[in-house]
Protein backbone atom coordinates (compact mmCIF):
# COMPACT_ATOMS: atom_id res chain seq x y z
CA MET A 1 1.20 -0.48 -48.77
CA LEU A 2 0.04 1.29 -45.63
CA LEU A 3 3.22 0.25 -43.81
CA GLY A 4 5.40 1.73 -46.52
CA ALA A 5 3.37 4.94 -46.63
CA LEU A 6 3.59 5.41 -42.87
CA ALA A 7 7.31 4.67 -42.91
CA ALA A 8 7.82 7.22 -45.66
CA LEU A 9 5.72 9.74 -43.75
CA GLY A 10 7.83 9.17 -40.65
CA GLY A 11 10.94 9.78 -42.71
CA CYS A 12 9.87 13.32 -43.64
CA GLY A 13 12.19 15.72 -41.90
CA GLN A 14 14.16 12.79 -40.40
CA GLY A 15 16.99 12.71 -42.86
CA GLY A 16 15.54 9.80 -44.85
CA ALA A 17 14.96 7.43 -41.92
CA GLY A 18 13.03 4.35 -43.02
CA SER A 19 11.05 1.62 -41.29
CA SER A 20 14.06 -0.65 -40.85
CA ALA A 21 15.16 -0.90 -37.23
CA ALA A 22 18.74 -1.53 -38.30
CA SER A 23 19.03 1.56 -40.51
CA THR A 24 17.41 3.75 -37.89
CA SER A 25 19.54 2.57 -35.00
CA ALA A 26 22.73 3.01 -37.02
CA SER A 27 22.06 6.74 -37.43
CA VAL A 28 21.41 7.51 -33.77
CA ALA A 29 24.20 8.03 -31.23
CA ARG A 30 23.34 6.43 -27.89
CA PRO A 31 25.32 6.14 -24.68
CA ALA A 32 26.65 2.68 -23.88
CA GLY A 33 24.29 0.56 -21.84
CA SER A 34 21.27 2.79 -22.55
CA VAL A 35 19.36 0.12 -24.47
CA PRO A 36 17.39 -2.38 -22.32
CA ASP A 37 17.92 -6.11 -22.79
CA ASP A 38 14.44 -6.62 -24.22
CA ALA A 39 14.80 -3.92 -26.89
CA VAL A 40 13.64 -5.02 -30.35
CA ALA A 41 13.99 -1.80 -32.36
CA ILE A 42 15.04 1.84 -32.09
CA VAL A 43 13.04 4.36 -34.10
CA ASN A 44 14.68 7.78 -34.36
CA GLY A 45 16.09 7.25 -30.87
CA LYS A 46 12.87 5.85 -29.40
CA VAL A 47 13.46 2.35 -28.01
CA LEU A 48 10.79 -0.25 -28.64
CA THR A 49 10.79 -3.35 -26.44
CA GLU A 50 9.23 -6.78 -26.25
CA ARG A 51 6.63 -5.24 -23.94
CA ASP A 52 5.51 -2.89 -26.71
CA VAL A 53 5.01 -5.83 -29.04
CA ALA A 54 3.21 -7.92 -26.40
CA LEU A 55 0.96 -4.99 -25.54
CA ARG A 56 0.08 -4.53 -29.21
CA ILE A 57 -0.77 -8.23 -29.56
CA LYS A 58 -2.92 -8.10 -26.43
CA GLY A 59 -4.63 -4.90 -27.57
CA ASP A 60 -5.31 -6.42 -30.98
CA SER A 61 -7.33 -9.27 -29.50
CA HIS A 62 -10.26 -8.68 -31.88
CA SER A 63 -8.08 -9.95 -34.74
CA LYS A 64 -7.04 -13.02 -32.70
CA VAL A 65 -3.34 -12.73 -33.55
CA GLU A 66 -1.42 -15.74 -32.27
CA ASP A 67 1.73 -14.95 -30.32
CA THR A 68 4.23 -16.68 -32.62
CA PRO A 69 7.73 -15.56 -33.66
CA GLU A 70 6.55 -14.89 -37.21
CA ASN A 71 3.54 -12.88 -36.08
CA ARG A 72 5.71 -10.96 -33.63
CA LYS A 73 7.85 -9.77 -36.55
CA GLN A 74 4.77 -8.49 -38.35
CA VAL A 75 3.40 -6.87 -35.20
CA LEU A 76 6.77 -5.20 -34.61
CA GLU A 77 6.64 -3.71 -38.11
CA ASN A 78 3.17 -2.43 -37.32
CA VAL A 79 4.39 -0.87 -34.05
CA ILE A 80 7.30 0.77 -35.91
CA ALA A 81 4.89 2.21 -38.46
CA LEU A 82 2.66 3.58 -35.71
CA GLU A 83 5.66 5.04 -33.89
CA LEU A 84 6.83 6.82 -37.03
CA ALA A 85 3.34 8.21 -37.61
CA ALA A 86 3.07 9.34 -33.98
CA GLN A 87 6.47 11.07 -34.15
CA ARG A 88 5.44 12.90 -37.31
CA ALA A 89 2.12 13.91 -35.72
CA SER A 90 4.05 15.46 -32.82
CA GLU A 91 6.30 17.35 -35.28
CA LEU A 92 3.16 18.81 -36.86
CA GLY A 93 1.78 19.87 -33.47
CA LEU A 94 -1.09 17.39 -33.55
CA ASP A 95 -0.29 16.26 -30.02
CA ALA A 96 -1.82 19.53 -28.79
CA ASP A 97 -5.28 18.05 -29.46
CA PRO A 98 -7.37 18.55 -26.26
CA GLY A 99 -8.77 15.02 -26.34
CA TYR A 100 -5.30 13.51 -26.66
CA GLN A 101 -3.93 15.70 -23.88
CA ALA A 102 -6.83 14.78 -21.57
CA GLY A 103 -6.21 11.08 -22.13
CA LEU A 104 -2.48 11.53 -21.61
CA GLN A 105 -3.06 13.36 -18.33
CA GLN A 106 -5.41 10.60 -17.14
CA LEU A 107 -2.80 7.94 -17.88
CA GLN A 108 -0.12 10.04 -16.16
CA ALA A 109 -2.32 10.30 -13.06
CA GLN A 110 -2.67 6.50 -13.04
CA LEU A 111 1.10 6.10 -13.43
CA ASP A 112 1.75 8.53 -10.57
CA ALA A 113 -0.75 6.68 -8.38
CA TYR A 114 1.02 3.38 -9.09
CA ARG A 115 4.42 4.95 -8.30
CA ARG A 116 3.18 6.25 -4.95
CA ALA A 117 1.38 3.01 -4.05
CA GLU A 118 4.50 0.91 -4.73
CA LEU A 119 7.40 3.10 -3.60
CA ALA A 120 6.02 4.66 -0.40
CA PRO A 121 5.44 1.27 1.30
CA LYS A 122 8.92 0.16 0.18
CA LEU A 123 10.44 3.11 2.04
CA TYR A 124 8.63 2.24 5.25
CA ARG A 125 9.04 -1.52 4.86
CA ASP A 126 12.66 -1.70 3.73
CA GLU A 127 14.33 1.37 5.22
CA VAL A 128 12.31 2.43 8.24
CA ARG A 129 11.61 -1.08 9.55
CA ARG A 130 15.24 -2.15 9.05
CA ASN A 131 16.38 0.72 11.28
CA ALA A 132 13.72 -0.10 13.88
CA ALA A 133 15.01 -3.55 14.89
CA PRO A 134 16.16 -3.61 18.56
CA THR A 135 19.47 -4.98 19.75
CA GLU A 136 19.80 -8.05 21.99
CA ALA A 137 20.52 -5.80 24.96
CA GLU A 138 17.43 -3.67 24.31
CA ALA A 139 15.22 -6.75 24.03
CA ARG A 140 16.59 -8.18 27.30
CA ALA A 141 16.13 -4.85 29.08
CA TYR A 142 12.49 -4.78 27.94
CA PHE A 143 12.01 -8.33 29.25
CA ASP A 144 13.44 -7.41 32.65
CA ARG A 145 11.29 -4.27 32.96
CA ASN A 146 8.07 -6.03 31.93
CA LEU A 147 8.60 -9.50 33.39
CA ALA A 148 5.33 -9.57 35.36
CA ARG A 149 3.28 -8.49 32.36
CA ILE A 150 5.05 -10.86 29.98
CA ARG A 151 4.37 -13.87 32.20
CA ARG A 152 0.72 -12.98 32.65
CA ARG A 153 -2.26 -14.14 30.57
CA VAL A 154 -5.51 -12.22 31.01
CA HIS A 155 -9.09 -13.31 30.29
CA VAL A 156 -11.04 -10.27 29.08
CA LEU A 157 -14.60 -9.39 28.07
CA GLN A 158 -15.10 -6.33 25.87
CA ILE A 159 -17.80 -3.95 24.74
CA LEU A 160 -16.86 -2.04 21.59
CA ARG A 161 -18.84 0.91 20.26
CA ARG A 162 -18.12 3.29 17.41
CA ASN A 163 -19.36 6.48 19.05
CA LEU A 164 -19.04 8.03 22.48
CA GLY A 165 -22.79 8.23 23.11
CA ALA A 166 -23.27 4.48 22.63
CA ILE A 167 -20.39 3.49 24.91
CA GLU A 168 -21.57 5.92 27.59
CA ASP A 169 -25.01 4.29 27.44
CA ALA A 170 -23.40 0.87 27.98
CA ARG A 171 -21.38 2.29 30.90
CA ARG A 172 -24.55 3.58 32.56
CA GLN A 173 -26.15 0.13 32.26
CA LEU A 174 -23.14 -1.41 34.01
CA GLU A 175 -23.23 1.21 36.74
CA GLY A 176 -26.94 0.40 37.16
CA GLY A 177 -26.01 -3.17 38.12
CA LYS A 178 -26.39 -5.16 34.89
CA PRO A 179 -23.78 -7.92 34.42
CA PHE A 180 -21.09 -7.13 31.88
CA ALA A 181 -21.84 -10.18 29.69
CA GLU A 182 -25.56 -9.32 29.64
CA VAL A 183 -24.93 -5.78 28.43
CA ALA A 184 -22.41 -7.01 25.85
CA GLU A 185 -24.81 -9.65 24.53
CA SER A 186 -27.68 -7.16 24.29
CA LEU A 187 -25.57 -5.03 21.96
CA GLN A 188 -24.99 -7.96 19.58
CA PRO A 189 -28.37 -9.76 19.48
CA ASP A 190 -27.88 -11.28 16.03
CA VAL A 191 -24.78 -13.34 16.78
CA PRO A 192 -25.51 -16.91 15.59
CA GLY A 193 -25.13 -20.03 17.68
CA ARG A 194 -22.91 -20.01 20.73
CA LYS A 195 -20.47 -17.42 19.48
CA LYS A 196 -19.59 -14.73 22.00
CA PRO A 197 -17.46 -12.10 20.24
CA TRP A 198 -17.40 -10.01 23.41
CA ASP A 199 -15.42 -12.78 25.14
CA VAL A 200 -11.89 -12.60 23.72
CA GLY A 201 -10.58 -15.38 25.97
CA PHE A 202 -7.08 -15.44 27.41
CA LEU A 203 -4.58 -13.04 25.86
CA ARG A 204 -0.81 -12.91 26.18
CA TRP A 205 0.78 -9.50 26.75
CA ASN A 206 1.59 -8.98 23.07
CA GLN A 207 -2.01 -9.79 22.05
CA VAL A 208 -3.53 -7.13 24.29
CA PRO A 209 -4.51 -4.01 22.28
CA GLU A 210 -2.27 -1.08 23.12
CA PRO A 211 -5.11 1.11 24.54
CA TRP A 212 -6.00 -1.64 27.04
CA ARG A 213 -2.56 -2.34 28.49
CA ALA A 214 -2.17 0.39 31.09
CA VAL A 215 -5.83 -0.03 32.14
CA LEU A 216 -5.49 -3.81 32.65
CA ASP A 217 -2.49 -3.22 34.90
CA THR A 218 -4.83 -1.42 37.32
CA LEU A 219 -7.67 -3.99 37.36
CA GLU A 220 -8.23 -6.95 39.62
CA PRO A 221 -10.27 -9.96 38.43
CA GLY A 222 -13.92 -8.89 38.24
CA GLY A 223 -12.95 -5.25 37.73
CA VAL A 224 -14.45 -3.14 34.94
CA SER A 225 -12.71 -0.26 33.20
CA GLY A 226 -13.96 3.17 32.42
CA VAL A 227 -14.36 4.21 28.79
CA ILE A 228 -11.18 3.54 26.81
CA LYS A 229 -10.72 5.59 23.65
CA GLY A 230 -8.87 3.93 20.77
CA PRO A 231 -8.00 4.85 17.19
CA ASN A 232 -10.52 5.21 14.38
CA GLU A 233 -13.44 6.22 16.61
CA ARG A 234 -13.31 3.06 18.74
CA TYR A 235 -14.49 3.09 22.35
CA TRP A 236 -14.22 0.14 24.75
CA LEU A 237 -15.32 -1.03 28.13
CA ILE A 238 -13.45 -4.11 29.35
CA GLU A 239 -13.83 -6.52 32.25
CA LEU A 240 -10.90 -8.51 33.61
CA VAL A 241 -12.32 -11.98 34.27
CA ALA A 242 -9.21 -13.89 35.35
CA VAL A 243 -5.41 -13.86 35.38
CA GLU A 244 -3.01 -16.76 34.81
CA GLU A 245 0.73 -16.76 35.43
CA ASP A 246 3.26 -18.60 33.24
CA PRO A 247 6.45 -18.95 35.32
CA ASP A 248 8.16 -20.93 32.54
CA MET A 249 8.18 -17.91 30.21
CA ASP A 250 11.89 -17.01 30.01
CA PHE A 251 13.80 -14.52 27.86
CA GLU A 252 14.66 -16.94 25.05
CA THR A 253 11.01 -17.94 24.69
CA ALA A 254 9.78 -14.37 24.77
CA LYS A 255 12.58 -12.89 22.67
CA PRO A 256 11.01 -13.29 19.18
CA ILE A 257 7.78 -11.73 20.42
CA ILE A 258 9.63 -8.88 22.15
CA VAL A 259 11.74 -8.14 19.07
CA ASP A 260 8.63 -8.08 16.87
CA ALA A 261 6.70 -5.88 19.30
CA LEU A 262 9.55 -3.40 19.72
CA THR A 263 10.15 -3.32 15.97
CA ASN A 264 6.48 -2.57 15.27
CA THR A 265 6.37 0.19 17.87
CA ARG A 266 9.59 1.79 16.64
CA THR A 267 8.48 1.46 13.02
CA GLN A 268 5.41 3.55 13.78
CA GLU A 269 7.54 6.13 15.59
CA LEU A 270 10.17 6.24 12.84
CA ARG A 271 7.50 6.46 10.18
CA ALA A 272 5.93 9.49 11.85
CA ARG A 273 9.37 11.08 12.26
CA THR A 274 10.29 10.32 8.65
CA GLU A 275 7.07 11.90 7.39
CA GLU A 276 7.77 15.02 9.46
CA GLU A 277 11.34 15.25 8.17
CA LEU A 278 10.28 14.76 4.55
CA ARG A 279 7.69 17.52 4.87
CA ALA A 280 10.19 19.83 6.56
CA ARG A 281 12.66 19.37 3.68
CA ALA A 282 10.04 19.58 0.93
CA HIS A 283 8.73 22.58 -0.98
CA ILE A 284 4.96 22.12 -1.11
CA GLU A 285 2.55 24.58 -2.66
CA SER A 286 -1.11 24.15 -1.76
CA LEU A 287 -3.17 25.40 -4.69
CA THR A 288 -6.85 26.28 -4.48
CA PRO A 289 -8.68 23.62 -6.51
CA THR A 290 -11.13 24.75 -9.13
CA ASN A 291 -14.77 23.74 -9.05
CA LYS A 292 -14.35 22.10 -12.43
CA PRO A 293 -14.99 18.32 -12.15
CA PRO A 294 -12.30 15.92 -13.37
CA PRO A 295 -12.70 14.63 -16.92
CA PRO A 296 -14.77 11.43 -17.10
CA GLU A 297 -12.93 8.18 -17.66
CA GLU A 298 -13.58 6.53 -20.98
């Protein structure tokens, strides 16, 4: 009874459209190929899909509807009835209800957040990174320029602090004659067992953090750096303990590492350039936000 009443209501002002998907779709002109493969009905031009039915079944979990072909037909009829009622409500201006509009805006914000979270990384991963890959000649030239560094493994101790005052205090202790390992251990007194997180062991050239590289090139074994500033409020002091040479490291062995390192570096550069270009081409208006808090989520 309710289904028929809703279908009749939806037909008001629609030229006699009923709840039948076949009769509705026959009266609507649609461009070829505009209907998705999983479409199950078209209601006054609005396409309903298998996802709409599945979502209704999932949302109707309190009634414990089994997902069977027969039940899907009934659920589809229910979705059609609801669609007809919703279309009629919009014709009557009922979609201007503040509560409905607030909910719609909240859902739109979630949809926009999903779009940004999925598409922005795809741009940088698929387009920017693809254009950042070096050629064979570029990789070989890098190997030739950095041969000494590539064949070297360095044993390093580190002190990491998150603010300048703390790292300067550690530096003063070292200048006062305290051994590097003693100062490092005193800053991490709760490390269990024999773990020594300040001792990073031997590192190959591609494992050395970027802020350390130029500094390590200037140190001899036993040498201690000055304060090294890194990203995200990181400050280091490092000690070069020992150096090992690997004369067997040739271009073919190093090539995959070189290609990956160059690609990562160029990706960061291209990403920054892409962001600048996109902003330069965009029209962006910065609006003064109101002091009104966002509507609470239900």
